[in-house]
PDB file of N, CA and C in Angstrom:
ATOM      1  N   MET A   1      54.063 230.702 130.989  1.00  0.00           N
ATOM      2  CA  MET A   1      54.970 229.569 130.956  1.00  0.00           C
ATOM      3  C   MET A   1      54.666 228.679 132.146  1.00  0.00           C
ATOM      4  N   ARG A   2      54.983 227.415 132.019  1.00  0.00           N
ATOM      5  CA  ARG A   2      54.737 226.443 133.079  1.00  0.00           C
ATOM      6  C   ARG A   2      55.890 226.455 134.067  1.00  0.00           C
ATOM      7  N   ILE A   3      55.688 225.804 135.209  1.00  0.00           N
ATOM      8  CA  ILE A   3      56.664 225.852 136.293  1.00  0.00           C
ATOM      9  C   ILE A   3      58.019 225.279 135.870  1.00  0.00           C
ATOM     10  N   GLY A   4      58.024 224.215 135.100  1.00  0.00           N
ATOM     11  CA  GLY A   4      59.283 223.632 134.637  1.00  0.00           C
ATOM     12  C   GLY A   4      60.043 224.576 133.721  1.00  0.00           C
ATOM     13  N   GLN A   5      59.310 225.311 132.900  1.00  0.00           N
ATOM     14  CA  GLN A   5      59.943 226.286 132.013  1.00  0.00           C
ATOM     15  C   GLN A   5      60.539 227.435 132.817  1.00  0.00           C
ATOM     16  N   LEU A   6      59.809 227.889 133.821  1.00  0.00           N
ATOM     17  CA  LEU A   6      60.325 228.963 134.673  1.00  0.00           C
ATOM     18  C   LEU A   6      61.568 228.488 135.416  1.00  0.00           C
ATOM     19  N   ALA A   7      61.539 227.268 135.891  1.00  0.00           N
ATOM     20  CA  ALA A   7      62.706 226.707 136.575  1.00  0.00           C
ATOM     21  C   ALA A   7      63.910 226.677 135.635  1.00  0.00           C
ATOM     22  N   ALA A   8      63.702 226.235 134.418  1.00  0.00           N
ATOM     23  CA  ALA A   8      64.803 226.159 133.450  1.00  0.00           C
ATOM     24  C   ALA A   8      65.351 227.543 133.120  1.00  0.00           C
ATOM     25  N   ARG A   9      64.485 228.516 133.002  1.00  0.00           N
ATOM     26  CA  ARG A   9      64.931 229.869 132.635  1.00  0.00           C
ATOM     27  C   ARG A   9      65.615 230.603 133.771  1.00  0.00           C
ATOM     28  N   THR A  10      65.296 230.253 135.004  1.00  0.00           N
ATOM     29  CA  THR A  10      65.845 230.998 136.142  1.00  0.00           C
ATOM     30  C   THR A  10      66.932 230.247 136.900  1.00  0.00           C
ATOM     31  N   GLY A  11      67.029 228.959 136.691  1.00  0.00           N
ATOM     32  CA  GLY A  11      67.986 228.161 137.448  1.00  0.00           C
ATOM     33  C   GLY A  11      67.470 227.761 138.821  1.00  0.00           C
ATOM     34  N   ALA A  12      66.261 228.147 139.147  1.00  0.00           N
ATOM     35  CA  ALA A  12      65.647 227.763 140.420  1.00  0.00           C
ATOM     36  C   ALA A  12      64.998 226.392 140.250  1.00  0.00           C
ATOM     37  N   SER A  13      64.991 225.613 141.301  1.00  0.00           N
ATOM     38  CA  SER A  13      64.331 224.308 141.222  1.00  0.00           C
ATOM     39  C   SER A  13      62.814 224.496 141.277  1.00  0.00           C
ATOM     40  N   VAL A  14      62.105 223.507 140.772  1.00  0.00           N
ATOM     41  CA  VAL A  14      60.645 223.529 140.853  1.00  0.00           C
ATOM     42  C   VAL A  14      60.222 223.603 142.316  1.00  0.00           C
ATOM     43  N   ARG A  15      60.912 222.882 143.169  1.00  0.00           N
ATOM     44  CA  ARG A  15      60.606 222.915 144.606  1.00  0.00           C
ATOM     45  C   ARG A  15      60.763 224.334 145.161  1.00  0.00           C
ATOM     46  N   SER A  16      61.843 225.022 144.763  1.00  0.00           N
ATOM     47  CA  SER A  16      62.052 226.403 145.224  1.00  0.00           C
ATOM     48  C   SER A  16      60.925 227.307 144.750  1.00  0.00           C
ATOM     49  N   LEU A  17      60.514 227.156 143.508  1.00  0.00           N
ATOM     50  CA  LEU A  17      59.435 227.993 142.984  1.00  0.00           C
ATOM     51  C   LEU A  17      58.144 227.766 143.767  1.00  0.00           C
ATOM     52  N   ARG A  18      57.871 226.530 144.107  1.00  0.00           N
ATOM     53  CA  ARG A  18      56.683 226.244 144.923  1.00  0.00           C
ATOM     54  C   ARG A  18      56.823 226.869 146.311  1.00  0.00           C
ATOM     55  N   TYR A  19      58.021 226.813 146.866  1.00  0.00           N
ATOM     56  CA  TYR A  19      58.275 227.444 148.170  1.00  0.00           C
ATOM     57  C   TYR A  19      58.052 228.954 148.075  1.00  0.00           C
ATOM     58  N   TYR A  20      58.565 229.576 147.019  1.00  0.00           N
ATOM     59  CA  TYR A  20      58.376 231.020 146.847  1.00  0.00           C
ATOM     60  C   TYR A  20      56.886 231.351 146.813  1.00  0.00           C
ATOM     61  N   GLU A  21      56.122 230.508 146.147  1.00  0.00           N
ATOM     62  CA  GLU A  21      54.682 230.742 146.081  1.00  0.00           C
ATOM     63  C   GLU A  21      54.046 230.584 147.468  1.00  0.00           C
ATOM     64  N   GLU A  22      54.444 229.551 148.207  1.00  0.00           N
ATOM     65  CA  GLU A  22      53.919 229.340 149.564  1.00  0.00           C
ATOM     66  C   GLU A  22      54.219 230.528 150.468  1.00  0.00           C
ATOM     67  N   GLN A  23      55.377 231.155 150.266  1.00  0.00           N
ATOM     68  CA  GLN A  23      55.792 232.287 151.089  1.00  0.00           C
ATOM     69  C   GLN A  23      55.187 233.608 150.617  1.00  0.00           C
ATOM     70  N   GLY A  24      54.421 233.581 149.542  1.00  0.00           N
ATOM     71  CA  GLY A  24      53.805 234.793 149.019  1.00  0.00           C
ATOM     72  C   GLY A  24      54.753 235.660 148.209  1.00  0.00           C
ATOM     73  N   LEU A  25      55.868 235.090 147.772  1.00  0.00           N
ATOM     74  CA  LEU A  25      56.860 235.847 147.010  1.00  0.00           C
ATOM     75  C   LEU A  25      56.590 235.802 145.512  1.00  0.00           C
ATOM     76  N   LEU A  26      55.874 234.805 145.070  1.00  0.00           N
ATOM     77  CA  LEU A  26      55.648 234.568 143.647  1.00  0.00           C
ATOM     78  C   LEU A  26      54.213 234.095 143.489  1.00  0.00           C
ATOM     79  N   SER A  27      53.562 234.565 142.458  1.00  0.00           N
ATOM     80  CA  SER A  27      52.195 234.101 142.219  1.00  0.00           C
ATOM     81  C   SER A  27      52.081 233.592 140.793  1.00  0.00           C
ATOM     82  N   ALA A  28      51.116 232.724 140.600  1.00  0.00           N
ATOM     83  CA  ALA A  28      50.883 232.145 139.281  1.00  0.00           C
ATOM     84  C   ALA A  28      49.385 232.055 139.041  1.00  0.00           C
ATOM     85  N   GLU A  29      49.018 232.202 137.803  1.00  0.00           N
ATOM     86  CA  GLU A  29      47.644 231.909 137.402  1.00  0.00           C
ATOM     87  C   GLU A  29      47.530 230.394 137.300  1.00  0.00           C
ATOM     88  N   ARG A  30      46.325 229.897 137.326  1.00  0.00           N
ATOM     89  CA  ARG A  30      46.094 228.457 137.149  1.00  0.00           C
ATOM     90  C   ARG A  30      45.268 228.252 135.878  1.00  0.00           C
ATOM     91  N   ASP A  31      45.671 227.245 135.091  1.00  0.00           N
ATOM     92  CA  ASP A  31      44.875 226.931 133.905  1.00  0.00           C
ATOM     93  C   ASP A  31      43.698 226.041 134.318  1.00  0.00           C
ATOM     94  N   SER A  32      42.890 225.631 133.359  1.00  0.00           N
ATOM     95  CA  SER A  32      41.683 224.860 133.668  1.00  0.00           C
ATOM     96  C   SER A  32      41.998 223.516 134.324  1.00  0.00           C
ATOM     97  N   ALA A  33      43.212 223.016 134.113  1.00  0.00           N
ATOM     98  CA  ALA A  33      43.627 221.754 134.735  1.00  0.00           C
ATOM     99  C   ALA A  33      44.289 221.989 136.094  1.00  0.00           C
ATOM    100  N   GLY A  34      44.381 223.241 136.523  1.00  0.00           N
ATOM    101  CA  GLY A  34      44.977 223.564 137.813  1.00  0.00           C
ATOM    102  C   GLY A  34      46.484 223.718 137.789  1.00  0.00           C
ATOM    103  N   ARG A  35      47.069 223.687 136.601  1.00  0.00           N
ATOM    104  CA  ARG A  35      48.525 223.844 136.492  1.00  0.00           C
ATOM    105  C   ARG A  35      48.897 225.320 136.555  1.00  0.00           C
ATOM    106  N   ARG A  36      50.046 225.574 137.171  1.00  0.00           N
ATOM    107  CA  ARG A  36      50.530 226.946 137.295  1.00  0.00           C
ATOM    108  C   ARG A  36      50.941 227.489 135.924  1.00  0.00           C
ATOM    109  N   ARG A  37      50.627 228.766 135.728  1.00  0.00           N
ATOM    110  CA  ARG A  37      51.067 229.492 134.531  1.00  0.00           C
ATOM    111  C   ARG A  37      51.673 230.808 135.001  1.00  0.00           C
ATOM    112  N   TYR A  38      52.925 231.041 134.607  1.00  0.00           N
ATOM    113  CA  TYR A  38      53.652 232.236 135.034  1.00  0.00           C
ATOM    114  C   TYR A  38      53.797 233.211 133.880  1.00  0.00           C
ATOM    115  N   SER A  39      53.799 234.482 134.217  1.00  0.00           N
ATOM    116  CA  SER A  39      54.013 235.529 133.221  1.00  0.00           C
ATOM    117  C   SER A  39      55.512 235.683 132.966  1.00  0.00           C
ATOM    118  N   GLU A  40      55.829 236.412 131.941  1.00  0.00           N
ATOM    119  CA  GLU A  40      57.234 236.693 131.621  1.00  0.00           C
ATOM    120  C   GLU A  40      57.907 237.461 132.761  1.00  0.00           C
ATOM    121  N   ALA A  41      57.158 238.301 133.459  1.00  0.00           N
ATOM    122  CA  ALA A  41      57.711 239.088 134.574  1.00  0.00           C
ATOM    123  C   ALA A  41      58.197 238.197 135.714  1.00  0.00           C
ATOM    124  N   ALA A  42      57.713 236.969 135.774  1.00  0.00           N
ATOM    125  CA  ALA A  42      58.125 236.056 136.845  1.00  0.00           C
ATOM    126  C   ALA A  42      59.615 235.740 136.767  1.00  0.00           C
ATOM    127  N   VAL A  43      60.191 235.784 135.573  1.00  0.00           N
ATOM    128  CA  VAL A  43      61.625 235.491 135.417  1.00  0.00           C
ATOM    129  C   VAL A  43      62.450 236.503 136.209  1.00  0.00           C
ATOM    130  N   ALA A  44      62.161 237.784 136.034  1.00  0.00           N
ATOM    131  CA  ALA A  44      62.897 238.826 136.761  1.00  0.00           C
ATOM    132  C   ALA A  44      62.597 238.757 138.256  1.00  0.00           C
ATOM    133  N   ARG A  45      61.363 238.449 138.607  1.00  0.00           N
ATOM    134  CA  ARG A  45      60.988 238.368 140.025  1.00  0.00           C
ATOM    135  C   ARG A  45      61.743 237.229 140.717  1.00  0.00           C
ATOM    136  N   VAL A  46      61.830 236.081 140.067  1.00  0.00           N
ATOM    137  CA  VAL A  46      62.564 234.952 140.647  1.00  0.00           C
ATOM    138  C   VAL A  46      64.040 235.304 140.791  1.00  0.00           C
ATOM    139  N   ALA A  47      64.600 235.994 139.805  1.00  0.00           N
ATOM    140  CA  ALA A  47      66.009 236.403 139.898  1.00  0.00           C
ATOM    141  C   ALA A  47      66.218 237.291 141.124  1.00  0.00           C
ATOM    142  N   LEU A  48      65.302 238.207 141.364  1.00  0.00           N
ATOM    143  CA  LEU A  48      65.406 239.094 142.523  1.00  0.00           C
ATOM    144  C   LEU A  48      65.229 238.319 143.833  1.00  0.00           C
ATOM    145  N   ILE A  49      64.293 237.401 143.856  1.00  0.00           N
ATOM    146  CA  ILE A  49      64.084 236.574 145.051  1.00  0.00           C
ATOM    147  C   ILE A  49      65.357 235.789 145.361  1.00  0.00           C
ATOM    148  N   ARG A  50      65.942 235.182 144.348  1.00  0.00           N
ATOM    149  CA  ARG A  50      67.154 234.387 144.556  1.00  0.00           C
ATOM    150  C   ARG A  50      68.313 235.254 145.044  1.00  0.00           C
ATOM    151  N   ARG A  51      68.423 236.457 144.508  1.00  0.00           N
ATOM    152  CA  ARG A  51      69.471 237.372 144.984  1.00  0.00           C
ATOM    153  C   ARG A  51      69.234 237.745 146.442  1.00  0.00           C
ATOM    154  N   GLY A  52      67.989 237.944 146.800  1.00  0.00           N
ATOM    155  CA  GLY A  52      67.666 238.258 148.190  1.00  0.00           C
ATOM    156  C   GLY A  52      68.073 237.141 149.132  1.00  0.00           C
ATOM    157  N   PHE A  53      67.722 235.908 148.774  1.00  0.00           N
ATOM    158  CA  PHE A  53      68.124 234.776 149.614  1.00  0.00           C
ATOM    159  C   PHE A  53      69.640 234.643 149.659  1.00  0.00           C
ATOM    160  N   ALA A  54      70.313 234.851 148.540  1.00  0.00           N
ATOM    161  CA  ALA A  54      71.777 234.767 148.511  1.00  0.00           C
ATOM    162  C   ALA A  54      72.416 235.842 149.387  1.00  0.00           C
ATOM    163  N   ALA A  55      71.708 236.955 149.585  1.00  0.00           N
ATOM    164  CA  ALA A  55      72.204 238.045 150.428  1.00  0.00           C
ATOM    165  C   ALA A  55      71.775 237.878 151.886  1.00  0.00           C
ATOM    166  N   SER A  56      71.282 236.707 152.242  1.00  0.00           N
ATOM    167  CA  SER A  56      70.859 236.394 153.620  1.00  0.00           C
ATOM    168  C   SER A  56      69.585 237.114 154.044  1.00  0.00           C
ATOM    169  N   LEU A  57      68.771 237.534 153.107  1.00  0.00           N
ATOM    170  CA  LEU A  57      67.488 238.127 153.465  1.00  0.00           C
ATOM    171  C   LEU A  57      66.501 237.006 153.750  1.00  0.00           C
ATOM    172  N   SER A  58      65.630 237.216 154.713  1.00  0.00           N
ATOM    173  CA  SER A  58      64.590 236.229 155.019  1.00  0.00           C
ATOM    174  C   SER A  58      63.456 236.365 154.005  1.00  0.00           C
ATOM    175  N   SER A  59      62.620 235.344 153.939  1.00  0.00           N
ATOM    176  CA  SER A  59      61.481 235.425 153.025  1.00  0.00           C
ATOM    177  C   SER A  59      60.556 236.576 153.429  1.00  0.00           C
ATOM    178  N   ARG A  60      60.467 236.868 154.730  1.00  0.00           N
ATOM    179  CA  ARG A  60      59.636 237.984 155.187  1.00  0.00           C
ATOM    180  C   ARG A  60      60.160 239.312 154.654  1.00  0.00           C
ATOM    181  N   VAL A  61      61.479 239.497 154.735  1.00  0.00           N
ATOM    182  CA  VAL A  61      62.074 240.743 154.250  1.00  0.00           C
ATOM    183  C   VAL A  61      61.913 240.843 152.734  1.00  0.00           C
ATOM    184  N   ILE A  62      62.130 239.738 152.042  1.00  0.00           N
ATOM    185  CA  ILE A  62      61.959 239.749 150.588  1.00  0.00           C
ATOM    186  C   ILE A  62      60.509 240.086 150.244  1.00  0.00           C
ATOM    187  N   ALA A  63      59.562 239.521 150.988  1.00  0.00           N
ATOM    188  CA  ALA A  63      58.142 239.817 150.756  1.00  0.00           C
ATOM    189  C   ALA A  63      57.837 241.293 150.986  1.00  0.00           C
ATOM    190  N   ASP A  64      58.497 241.906 151.955  1.00  0.00           N
ATOM    191  CA  ASP A  64      58.322 243.342 152.199  1.00  0.00           C
ATOM    192  C   ASP A  64      58.985 244.175 151.108  1.00  0.00           C
ATOM    193  N   LEU A  65      60.105 243.690 150.606  1.00  0.00           N
ATOM    194  CA  LEU A  65      60.902 244.443 149.644  1.00  0.00           C
ATOM    195  C   LEU A  65      60.309 244.440 148.235  1.00  0.00           C
ATOM    196  N   LEU A  66      59.789 243.307 147.788  1.00  0.00           N
ATOM    197  CA  LEU A  66      59.321 243.186 146.403  1.00  0.00           C
ATOM    198  C   LEU A  66      58.304 244.252 146.000  1.00  0.00           C
ATOM    199  N   PRO A  67      57.248 244.488 146.791  1.00  0.00           N
ATOM    200  CA  PRO A  67      56.300 245.523 146.372  1.00  0.00           C
ATOM    201  C   PRO A  67      56.907 246.925 146.362  1.00  0.00           C
ATOM    202  N   LEU A  68      57.850 247.177 147.265  1.00  0.00           N
ATOM    203  CA  LEU A  68      58.513 248.485 147.278  1.00  0.00           C
ATOM    204  C   LEU A  68      59.314 248.686 146.000  1.00  0.00           C
ATOM    205  N   MET A  69      60.002 247.646 145.575  1.00  0.00           N
ATOM    206  CA  MET A  69      60.809 247.757 144.362  1.00  0.00           C
ATOM    207  C   MET A  69      59.927 247.872 143.124  1.00  0.00           C
ATOM    208  N   GLU A  70      58.830 247.131 143.115  1.00  0.00           N
ATOM    209  CA  GLU A  70      57.914 247.210 141.978  1.00  0.00           C
ATOM    210  C   GLU A  70      57.256 248.579 141.887  1.00  0.00           C
ATOM    211  N   ALA A  71      57.047 249.224 143.029  1.00  0.00           N
ATOM    212  CA  ALA A  71      56.449 250.561 143.059  1.00  0.00           C
ATOM    213  C   ALA A  71      57.499 251.648 142.895  1.00  0.00           C
ATOM    214  N   ASP A  72      58.745 251.241 142.715  1.00  0.00           N
ATOM    215  CA  ASP A  72      59.866 252.169 142.565  1.00  0.00           C
ATOM    216  C   ASP A  72      59.967 253.118 143.759  1.00  0.00           C
ATOM    217  N   CYS A  73      59.776 252.553 144.939  1.00  0.00           N
ATOM    218  CA  CYS A  73      59.838 253.324 146.181  1.00  0.00           C
ATOM    219  C   CYS A  73      61.251 253.202 146.754  1.00  0.00           C
ATOM    220  N   VAL A  74      62.170 253.925 146.149  1.00  0.00           N
ATOM    221  CA  VAL A  74      63.588 253.802 146.488  1.00  0.00           C
ATOM    222  C   VAL A  74      63.882 254.140 147.949  1.00  0.00           C
ATOM    223  N   PRO A  75      63.366 255.232 148.505  1.00  0.00           N
ATOM    224  CA  PRO A  75      63.715 255.540 149.902  1.00  0.00           C
ATOM    225  C   PRO A  75      63.327 254.429 150.878  1.00  0.00           C
ATOM    226  N   ARG A  76      62.139 253.861 150.720  1.00  0.00           N
ATOM    227  CA  ARG A  76      61.712 252.793 151.633  1.00  0.00           C
ATOM    228  C   ARG A  76      62.481 251.507 151.374  1.00  0.00           C
ATOM    229  N   SER A  77      62.754 251.211 150.102  1.00  0.00           N
ATOM    230  CA  SER A  77      63.571 250.029 149.779  1.00  0.00           C
ATOM    231  C   SER A  77      64.948 250.172 150.400  1.00  0.00           C
ATOM    232  N   ARG A  78      65.524 251.343 150.246  1.00  0.00           N
ATOM    233  CA  ARG A  78      66.866 251.591 150.770  1.00  0.00           C
ATOM    234  C   ARG A  78      66.892 251.484 152.290  1.00  0.00           C
ATOM    235  N   ALA A  79      65.883 252.019 152.955  1.00  0.00           N
ATOM    236  CA  ALA A  79      65.829 251.949 154.418  1.00  0.00           C
ATOM    237  C   ALA A  79      65.739 250.494 154.887  1.00  0.00           C
ATOM    238  N   LEU A  80      64.911 249.713 154.225  1.00  0.00           N
ATOM    239  CA  LEU A  80      64.775 248.303 154.578  1.00  0.00           C
ATOM    240  C   LEU A  80      66.089 247.557 154.358  1.00  0.00           C
ATOM    241  N   LEU A  81      66.722 247.802 153.228  1.00  0.00           N
ATOM    242  CA  LEU A  81      67.988 247.122 152.921  1.00  0.00           C
ATOM    243  C   LEU A  81      69.120 247.592 153.826  1.00  0.00           C
ATOM    244  N   ASP A  82      69.139 248.867 154.167  1.00  0.00           N
ATOM    245  CA  ASP A  82      70.163 249.362 155.103  1.00  0.00           C
ATOM    246  C   ASP A  82      70.014 248.700 156.471  1.00  0.00           C
ATOM    247  N   ALA A  83      68.774 248.530 156.920  1.00  0.00           N
ATOM    248  CA  ALA A  83      68.537 247.864 158.209  1.00  0.00           C
ATOM    249  C   ALA A  83      69.014 246.415 158.155  1.00  0.00           C
ATOM    250  N   GLU A  84      68.766 245.749 157.058  1.00  0.00           N
ATOM    251  CA  GLU A  84      69.224 244.361 156.911  1.00  0.00           C
ATOM    252  C   GLU A  84      70.746 244.290 156.841  1.00  0.00           C
ATOM    253  N   ARG A  85      71.352 245.281 156.216  1.00  0.00           N
ATOM    254  CA  ARG A  85      72.815 245.322 156.153  1.00  0.00           C
ATOM    255  C   ARG A  85      73.398 245.474 157.554  1.00  0.00           C
ATOM    256  N   GLU A  86      72.811 246.336 158.356  1.00  0.00           N
ATOM    257  CA  GLU A  86      73.279 246.526 159.730  1.00  0.00           C
ATOM    258  C   GLU A  86      73.112 245.249 160.553  1.00  0.00           C
ATOM    259  N   ARG A  87      72.007 244.549 160.331  1.00  0.00           N
ATOM    260  CA  ARG A  87      71.795 243.270 161.012  1.00  0.00           C
ATOM    261  C   ARG A  87      72.905 242.287 160.634  1.00  0.00           C
ATOM    262  N   LEU A  88      73.246 242.248 159.370  1.00  0.00           N
ATOM    263  CA  LEU A  88      74.297 241.355 158.892  1.00  0.00           C
ATOM    264  C   LEU A  88      75.661 241.752 159.456  1.00  0.00           C
ATOM    265  N   VAL A  89      75.947 243.048 159.514  1.00  0.00           N
ATOM    266  CA  VAL A  89      77.206 243.533 160.093  1.00  0.00           C
ATOM    267  C   VAL A  89      77.308 243.098 161.559  1.00  0.00           C
ATOM    268  N   ALA A  90      76.213 243.210 162.297  1.00  0.00           N
ATOM    269  CA  ALA A  90      76.215 242.786 163.706  1.00  0.00           C
ATOM    270  C   ALA A  90      76.449 241.283 163.825  1.00  0.00           C
ATOM    271  N   GLN A  91      75.843 240.513 162.941  1.00  0.00           N
ATOM    272  CA  GLN A  91      76.058 239.061 162.959  1.00  0.00           C
ATOM    273  C   GLN A  91      77.514 238.719 162.655  1.00  0.00           C
ATOM    274  N   ILE A  92      78.096 239.412 161.701  1.00  0.00           N
ATOM    275  CA  ILE A  92      79.502 239.175 161.355  1.00  0.00           C
ATOM    276  C   ILE A  92      80.393 239.493 162.548  1.00  0.00           C
ATOM    277  N   ALA A  93      80.114 240.598 163.233  1.00  0.00           N
ATOM    278  CA  ALA A  93      80.910 240.966 164.412  1.00  0.00           C
ATOM    279  C   ALA A  93      80.787 239.899 165.497  1.00  0.00           C
ATOM    280  N   ALA A  94      79.578 239.410 165.718  1.00  0.00           N
ATOM    281  CA  ALA A  94      79.377 238.366 166.728  1.00  0.00           C
ATOM    282  C   ALA A  94      80.096 237.084 166.335  1.00  0.00           C
ATOM    283  N   MET A  95      80.046 236.736 165.082  1.00  0.00           N
ATOM    284  CA  MET A  95      80.732 235.526 164.616  1.00  0.00           C
ATOM    285  C   MET A  95      82.251 235.692 164.693  1.00  0.00           C
ATOM    286  N   THR A  96      82.739 236.887 164.433  1.00  0.00           N
ATOM    287  CA  THR A  96      84.177 237.145 164.554  1.00  0.00           C
ATOM    288  C   THR A  96      84.621 236.956 165.996  1.00  0.00           C
ATOM    289  N   GLN A  97      83.843 237.463 166.936  1.00  0.00           N
ATOM    290  CA  GLN A  97      84.162 237.272 168.354  1.00  0.00           C
ATOM    291  C   GLN A  97      84.105 235.795 168.739  1.00  0.00           C
ATOM    292  N   ALA A  98      83.134 235.082 168.203  1.00  0.00           N
ATOM    293  CA  ALA A  98      83.035 233.647 168.487  1.00  0.00           C
ATOM    294  C   ALA A  98      84.263 232.913 167.951  1.00  0.00           C
ATOM    295  N   ARG A  99      84.744 233.314 166.786  1.00  0.00           N
ATOM    296  CA  ARG A  99      85.944 232.695 166.222  1.00  0.00           C
ATOM    297  C   ARG A  99      87.160 232.966 167.099  1.00  0.00           C
ATOM    298  N   VAL A 100      87.286 234.185 167.607  1.00  0.00           N
ATOM    299  CA  VAL A 100      88.395 234.526 168.504  1.00  0.00           C
ATOM    300  C   VAL A 100      88.339 233.643 169.750  1.00  0.00           C
ATOM    301  N   ARG A 101      87.158 233.505 170.333  1.00  0.00           N
ATOM    302  CA  ARG A 101      87.010 232.666 171.531  1.00  0.00           C
ATOM    303  C   ARG A 101      87.325 231.205 171.214  1.00  0.00           C
ATOM    304  N   LEU A 102      86.897 230.742 170.060  1.00  0.00           N
ATOM    305  CA  LEU A 102      87.196 229.367 169.660  1.00  0.00           C
ATOM    306  C   LEU A 102      88.696 229.166 169.476  1.00  0.00           C
ATOM    307  N   ASP A 103      89.364 230.146 168.884  1.00  0.00           N
ATOM    308  CA  ASP A 103      90.824 230.065 168.744  1.00  0.00           C
ATOM    309  C   ASP A 103      91.497 229.956 170.111  1.00  0.00           C
ATOM    310  N   GLU A 104      90.972 230.681 171.097  1.00  0.00           N
ATOM    311  CA  GLU A 104      91.518 230.593 172.456  1.00  0.00           C
ATOM    312  C   GLU A 104      91.337 229.186 173.026  1.00  0.00           C
ATOM    313  N   VAL A 105      90.171 228.618 172.815  1.00  0.00           N
ATOM    314  CA  VAL A 105      89.910 227.260 173.297  1.00  0.00           C
ATOM    315  C   VAL A 105      90.820 226.262 172.588  1.00  0.00           C
ATOM    316  N   ILE A 106      91.006 226.432 171.291  1.00  0.00           N
ATOM    317  CA  ILE A 106      91.901 225.542 170.540  1.00  0.00           C
ATOM    318  C   ILE A 106      93.315 225.625 171.094  1.00  0.00           C
ATOM    319  N   THR A 107      93.772 226.837 171.380  1.00  0.00           N
ATOM    320  CA  THR A 107      95.119 227.021 171.938  1.00  0.00           C
ATOM    321  C   THR A 107      95.250 226.298 173.271  1.00  0.00           C
ATOM    322  N   ILE A 108      94.265 226.463 174.128  1.00  0.00           N
ATOM    323  CA  ILE A 108      94.298 225.795 175.433  1.00  0.00           C
ATOM    324  C   ILE A 108      94.233 224.279 175.256  1.00  0.00           C
ATOM    325  N   ALA A 109      93.329 223.823 174.413  1.00  0.00           N
ATOM    326  CA  ALA A 109      93.117 222.385 174.250  1.00  0.00           C
ATOM    327  C   ALA A 109      94.311 221.676 173.623  1.00  0.00           C
ATOM    328  N   THR A 110      95.108 222.404 172.873  1.00  0.00           N
ATOM    329  CA  THR A 110      96.260 221.771 172.214  1.00  0.00           C
ATOM    330  C   THR A 110      97.573 222.076 172.912  1.00  0.00           C
ATOM    331  N   ASP A 111      97.517 222.765 174.030  1.00  0.00           N
ATOM    332  CA  ASP A 111      98.724 223.071 174.808  1.00  0.00           C
ATOM    333  C   ASP A 111      99.156 221.806 175.550  1.00  0.00           C
ATOM    334  N   PRO A 112     100.347 221.295 175.252  1.00  0.00           N
ATOM    335  CA  PRO A 112     100.781 220.047 175.887  1.00  0.00           C
ATOM    336  C   PRO A 112     100.988 220.186 177.394  1.00  0.00           C
ATOM    337  N   THR A 113     101.120 221.402 177.901  1.00  0.00           N
ATOM    338  CA  THR A 113     101.329 221.576 179.343  1.00  0.00           C
ATOM    339  C   THR A 113     100.017 221.641 180.112  1.00  0.00           C
ATOM    340  N   TRP A 114      98.930 221.799 179.416  1.00  0.00           N
ATOM    341  CA  TRP A 114      97.631 221.908 180.078  1.00  0.00           C
ATOM    342  C   TRP A 114      97.013 220.533 180.204  1.00  0.00           C
ATOM    343  N   ARG A 115      96.541 220.219 181.372  1.00  0.00           N
ATOM    344  CA  ARG A 115      95.900 218.927 181.614  1.00  0.00           C
ATOM    345  C   ARG A 115      94.566 219.152 182.311  1.00  0.00           C
ATOM    346  N   CYS A 116      93.639 218.381 181.912  1.00  0.00           N
ATOM    347  CA  CYS A 116      92.317 218.420 182.539  1.00  0.00           C
ATOM    348  C   CYS A 116      92.266 217.310 183.582  1.00  0.00           C
ATOM    349  N   ASP A 117      92.147 217.715 184.829  1.00  0.00           N
ATOM    350  CA  ASP A 117      92.008 216.713 185.885  1.00  0.00           C
ATOM    351  C   ASP A 117      90.837 217.104 186.782  1.00  0.00           C
ATOM    352  N   ALA A 118      90.527 216.282 187.684  1.00  0.00           N
ATOM    353  CA  ALA A 118      89.360 216.501 188.548  1.00  0.00           C
ATOM    354  C   ALA A 118      89.467 217.787 189.349  1.00  0.00           C
ATOM    355  N   SER A 119      90.662 218.230 189.655  1.00  0.00           N
ATOM    356  CA  SER A 119      90.824 219.431 190.480  1.00  0.00           C
ATOM    357  C   SER A 119      90.531 220.714 189.713  1.00  0.00           C
ATOM    358  N   THR A 120      90.541 220.672 188.373  1.00  0.00           N
ATOM    359  CA  THR A 120      90.287 221.891 187.594  1.00  0.00           C
ATOM    360  C   THR A 120      88.874 221.949 187.050  1.00  0.00           C
ATOM    361  N   SER A 121      88.083 220.932 187.258  1.00  0.00           N
ATOM    362  CA  SER A 121      86.738 220.938 186.687  1.00  0.00           C
ATOM    363  C   SER A 121      85.700 221.467 187.623  1.00  0.00           C
TER     364      SER A 121
END
């Protein structure tokens, strides 16, 4: 199938499909005119790539994960995904702390008794 057909079947934009190819996540054969031709398996691969990006995985992690999943290497896939989950948990914790600090700043900044003058800066 051609790139436009793959885009229509997967909901991915043509630009995204080209990006996936640039990142080594998706490959296509080329016809005699140099146009991309994708196999039927590309539909499932694009769906998995899109799920990976939606789950905050980087293109590098997705590139590492795809061959493991295709080889049905569950232990290594699971280890990679568990590590990414822990990274995400740490990011969430850091963002939660940042939100708490921001709430403190908002409280101070909106306190009518607090004034910023030259003596406090």
